[in-house]
């Protein structure tokens, strides 16, 4: 069964998470400089079967698009162009960074590691993926 890949897109860094082949468990894969994401995806997708790429949709708490939304839409458009055989979906990412920070505080012992912003991006991608899989659970 193919995997699902999730992306927490940022202007500087982008977190990437992936499901297991059974699409049950979401795991952090990587955090990359945003300008390296497409090349990373090309390499990853050449060796792994992925049926869907889920991109976090940045929204303000009131549901309006966040300031970064135009860049995310452009990224999604590029994904669809570069990977036309893979479905690309959007997943509301409101509060995922706060949730990621909370998880990191509970799990990571080192205060220095807790301040690692790249870890927040990766955990946010995991949360986006987990929420997407829960919404689209195959019966």
C-alpha atoms as a PDB file:
ATOM      1  CA  UNK A   1       0.000   0.000   0.000  1.00  0.00           C
ATOM      2  CA  UNK A   2       1.396   3.443  -0.838  1.00  0.00           C
ATOM      3  CA  UNK A   3       2.277   5.994   1.806  1.00  0.00           C
ATOM      4  CA  UNK A   4       0.868   9.444   2.505  1.00  0.00           C
ATOM      5  CA  UNK A   5       3.346  12.290   2.839  1.00  0.00           C
ATOM      6  CA  UNK A   6       2.636  15.548   4.710  1.00  0.00           C
ATOM      7  CA  UNK A   7       4.319  18.923   4.459  1.00  0.00           C
ATOM      8  CA  UNK A   8       4.369  21.803   6.922  1.00  0.00           C
ATOM      9  CA  UNK A   9       5.483  24.531   4.518  1.00  0.00           C
ATOM     10  CA  UNK A  10       7.394  27.512   5.855  1.00  0.00           C
ATOM     11  CA  UNK A  11       9.213  30.398   4.254  1.00  0.00           C
ATOM     12  CA  UNK A  12      12.567  29.295   5.733  1.00  0.00           C
ATOM     13  CA  UNK A  13      12.096  25.656   6.781  1.00  0.00           C
ATOM     14  CA  UNK A  14       9.661  22.941   5.781  1.00  0.00           C
ATOM     15  CA  UNK A  15       8.789  19.900   7.869  1.00  0.00           C
ATOM     16  CA  UNK A  16       8.035  16.590   6.183  1.00  0.00           C
ATOM     17  CA  UNK A  17       6.260  13.557   7.648  1.00  0.00           C
ATOM     18  CA  UNK A  18       5.248  10.237   6.144  1.00  0.00           C
ATOM     19  CA  UNK A  19       2.871   7.425   6.971  1.00  0.00           C
ATOM     20  CA  UNK A  20       3.786   3.783   7.212  1.00  0.00           C
ATOM     21  CA  UNK A  21       2.708   1.670   4.200  1.00  0.00           C
ATOM     22  CA  UNK A  22      -0.518   0.679   5.993  1.00  0.00           C
ATOM     23  CA  UNK A  23      -1.323   4.382   6.535  1.00  0.00           C
ATOM     24  CA  UNK A  24      -1.780   3.959  10.278  1.00  0.00           C
ATOM     25  CA  UNK A  25       1.242   5.689  11.844  1.00  0.00           C
ATOM     26  CA  UNK A  26       2.634   9.148  11.018  1.00  0.00           C
ATOM     27  CA  UNK A  27       6.365   9.694  11.529  1.00  0.00           C
ATOM     28  CA  UNK A  28       8.599  12.697  11.107  1.00  0.00           C
ATOM     29  CA  UNK A  29      10.820  12.336   8.068  1.00  0.00           C
ATOM     30  CA  UNK A  30      12.872  15.502   7.748  1.00  0.00           C
ATOM     31  CA  UNK A  31      13.078  19.267   8.103  1.00  0.00           C
ATOM     32  CA  UNK A  32      14.694  21.043   5.180  1.00  0.00           C
ATOM     33  CA  UNK A  33      15.426  24.528   3.984  1.00  0.00           C
ATOM     34  CA  UNK A  34      12.341  25.330   1.909  1.00  0.00           C
ATOM     35  CA  UNK A  35      14.389  25.902  -1.243  1.00  0.00           C
ATOM     36  CA  UNK A  36      15.543  22.244  -1.070  1.00  0.00           C
ATOM     37  CA  UNK A  37      12.112  20.628  -0.648  1.00  0.00           C
ATOM     38  CA  UNK A  38      11.335  19.923  -4.321  1.00  0.00           C
ATOM     39  CA  UNK A  39      14.661  18.202  -4.904  1.00  0.00           C
ATOM     40  CA  UNK A  40      14.189  16.154  -1.726  1.00  0.00           C
ATOM     41  CA  UNK A  41      10.694  15.126  -2.844  1.00  0.00           C
ATOM     42  CA  UNK A  42      11.928  14.107  -6.301  1.00  0.00           C
ATOM     43  CA  UNK A  43      14.518  11.825  -4.716  1.00  0.00           C
ATOM     44  CA  UNK A  44      12.158  10.445  -2.076  1.00  0.00           C
ATOM     45  CA  UNK A  45       9.310   9.787  -4.522  1.00  0.00           C
ATOM     46  CA  UNK A  46      11.687   8.022  -6.894  1.00  0.00           C
ATOM     47  CA  UNK A  47      12.225   5.337  -4.243  1.00  0.00           C
ATOM     48  CA  UNK A  48       8.943   5.314  -2.273  1.00  0.00           C
ATOM     49  CA  UNK A  49       5.364   4.889  -3.453  1.00  0.00           C
ATOM     50  CA  UNK A  50       3.226   7.802  -2.242  1.00  0.00           C
ATOM     51  CA  UNK A  51      -0.454   8.156  -3.169  1.00  0.00           C
ATOM     52  CA  UNK A  52      -1.146  11.543  -1.577  1.00  0.00           C
ATOM     53  CA  UNK A  53       0.831  14.605  -0.549  1.00  0.00           C
ATOM     54  CA  UNK A  54      -0.921  16.590   2.177  1.00  0.00           C
ATOM     55  CA  UNK A  55       0.087  20.218   2.605  1.00  0.00           C
ATOM     56  CA  UNK A  56      -0.811  22.180   5.712  1.00  0.00           C
ATOM     57  CA  UNK A  57      -3.271  24.946   4.887  1.00  0.00           C
ATOM     58  CA  UNK A  58      -2.323  28.043   6.900  1.00  0.00           C
ATOM     59  CA  UNK A  59      -5.404  29.668   8.396  1.00  0.00           C
ATOM     60  CA  UNK A  60      -5.952  32.238  11.111  1.00  0.00           C
ATOM     61  CA  UNK A  61      -8.131  31.127  14.048  1.00  0.00           C
ATOM     62  CA  UNK A  62     -11.154  32.801  12.408  1.00  0.00           C
ATOM     63  CA  UNK A  63     -10.705  30.633   9.291  1.00  0.00           C
ATOM     64  CA  UNK A  64      -9.287  33.321   7.007  1.00  0.00           C
ATOM     65  CA  UNK A  65      -6.101  32.512   5.044  1.00  0.00           C
ATOM     66  CA  UNK A  66      -2.903  33.351   6.913  1.00  0.00           C
ATOM     67  CA  UNK A  67      -0.287  35.711   5.486  1.00  0.00           C
ATOM     68  CA  UNK A  68       1.764  32.819   4.042  1.00  0.00           C
ATOM     69  CA  UNK A  69      -1.249  31.348   2.173  1.00  0.00           C
ATOM     70  CA  UNK A  70      -0.274  32.685  -1.306  1.00  0.00           C
ATOM     71  CA  UNK A  71       3.164  31.038  -1.062  1.00  0.00           C
ATOM     72  CA  UNK A  72       1.564  27.761   0.053  1.00  0.00           C
ATOM     73  CA  UNK A  73      -0.905  27.886  -2.865  1.00  0.00           C
ATOM     74  CA  UNK A  74       2.005  28.459  -5.277  1.00  0.00           C
ATOM     75  CA  UNK A  75       3.845  25.501  -3.717  1.00  0.00           C
ATOM     76  CA  UNK A  76       0.766  23.264  -4.083  1.00  0.00           C
ATOM     77  CA  UNK A  77       0.431  24.336  -7.723  1.00  0.00           C
ATOM     78  CA  UNK A  78       4.076  23.408  -8.326  1.00  0.00           C
ATOM     79  CA  UNK A  79       3.595  20.023  -6.599  1.00  0.00           C
ATOM     80  CA  UNK A  80       0.658  19.234  -8.892  1.00  0.00           C
ATOM     81  CA  UNK A  81       2.707  20.199 -11.934  1.00  0.00           C
ATOM     82  CA  UNK A  82       5.869  18.274 -10.961  1.00  0.00           C
ATOM     83  CA  UNK A  83       4.008  15.204  -9.605  1.00  0.00           C
ATOM     84  CA  UNK A  84       0.802  14.975 -11.697  1.00  0.00           C
ATOM     85  CA  UNK A  85       0.334  11.280 -10.830  1.00  0.00           C
ATOM     86  CA  UNK A  86       0.105  12.003  -7.076  1.00  0.00           C
ATOM     87  CA  UNK A  87      -2.966  13.462  -5.389  1.00  0.00           C
ATOM     88  CA  UNK A  88      -2.280  16.707  -3.508  1.00  0.00           C
ATOM     89  CA  UNK A  89      -4.605  17.651  -0.641  1.00  0.00           C
ATOM     90  CA  UNK A  90      -4.784  20.488   1.855  1.00  0.00           C
ATOM     91  CA  UNK A  91      -5.260  20.008   5.603  1.00  0.00           C
ATOM     92  CA  UNK A  92      -6.131  22.775   8.069  1.00  0.00           C
ATOM     93  CA  UNK A  93      -2.985  23.398  10.104  1.00  0.00           C
ATOM     94  CA  UNK A  94      -4.394  25.805  12.684  1.00  0.00           C
ATOM     95  CA  UNK A  95      -2.745  25.291  16.083  1.00  0.00           C
ATOM     96  CA  UNK A  96      -0.374  22.534  14.868  1.00  0.00           C
ATOM     97  CA  UNK A  97       2.732  24.527  15.868  1.00  0.00           C
ATOM     98  CA  UNK A  98       1.363  25.065  19.382  1.00  0.00           C
ATOM     99  CA  UNK A  99       0.411  21.398  19.622  1.00  0.00           C
ATOM    100  CA  UNK A 100       3.874  20.400  18.363  1.00  0.00           C
ATOM    101  CA  UNK A 101       5.570  22.594  20.979  1.00  0.00           C
ATOM    102  CA  UNK A 102       3.421  21.001  23.683  1.00  0.00           C
ATOM    103  CA  UNK A 103       4.330  17.486  22.541  1.00  0.00           C
ATOM    104  CA  UNK A 104       8.023  18.412  22.403  1.00  0.00           C
ATOM    105  CA  UNK A 105       7.908  19.866  25.940  1.00  0.00           C
ATOM    106  CA  UNK A 106       6.415  16.593  27.188  1.00  0.00           C
ATOM    107  CA  UNK A 107       8.757  14.253  25.322  1.00  0.00           C
ATOM    108  CA  UNK A 108      12.125  16.003  24.896  1.00  0.00           C
ATOM    109  CA  UNK A 109      14.217  16.265  28.044  1.00  0.00           C
ATOM    110  CA  UNK A 110      16.910  18.661  26.827  1.00  0.00           C
ATOM    111  CA  UNK A 111      15.912  22.350  27.003  1.00  0.00           C
ATOM    112  CA  UNK A 112      18.285  23.056  24.103  1.00  0.00           C
ATOM    113  CA  UNK A 113      16.596  20.445  21.883  1.00  0.00           C
ATOM    114  CA  UNK A 114      13.162  21.792  22.873  1.00  0.00           C
ATOM    115  CA  UNK A 115      14.096  25.156  21.312  1.00  0.00           C
ATOM    116  CA  UNK A 116      15.027  23.523  17.977  1.00  0.00           C
ATOM    117  CA  UNK A 117      12.626  25.127  15.489  1.00  0.00           C
ATOM    118  CA  UNK A 118      13.288  22.424  12.900  1.00  0.00           C
ATOM    119  CA  UNK A 119      11.905  19.852  15.350  1.00  0.00           C
ATOM    120  CA  UNK A 120       8.705  21.919  15.681  1.00  0.00           C
ATOM    121  CA  UNK A 121       8.322  21.919  11.876  1.00  0.00           C
ATOM    122  CA  UNK A 122       8.771  18.148  11.664  1.00  0.00           C
ATOM    123  CA  UNK A 123       6.359  17.437  14.528  1.00  0.00           C
ATOM    124  CA  UNK A 124       3.842  19.869  12.994  1.00  0.00           C
ATOM    125  CA  UNK A 125       4.016  17.851   9.755  1.00  0.00           C
ATOM    126  CA  UNK A 126       3.350  14.683  11.779  1.00  0.00           C
ATOM    127  CA  UNK A 127       0.282  16.304  13.366  1.00  0.00           C
ATOM    128  CA  UNK A 128      -1.001  17.481   9.964  1.00  0.00           C
ATOM    129  CA  UNK A 129      -0.592  13.952   8.611  1.00  0.00           C
ATOM    130  CA  UNK A 130      -2.213  12.298  11.629  1.00  0.00           C
ATOM    131  CA  UNK A 131      -5.218  14.618  11.427  1.00  0.00           C
ATOM    132  CA  UNK A 132      -5.547  13.976   7.689  1.00  0.00           C
ATOM    133  CA  UNK A 133      -5.376  10.202   8.151  1.00  0.00           C
ATOM    134  CA  UNK A 134      -7.983  10.341  10.934  1.00  0.00           C
ATOM    135  CA  UNK A 135     -10.346  12.315   8.665  1.00  0.00           C
ATOM    136  CA  UNK A 136      -9.812   9.936   5.739  1.00  0.00           C
ATOM    137  CA  UNK A 137      -9.551   6.612   7.583  1.00  0.00           C
ATOM    138  CA  UNK A 138     -10.364   3.759   5.205  1.00  0.00           C
ATOM    139  CA  UNK A 139     -12.940   1.406   6.673  1.00  0.00           C
END
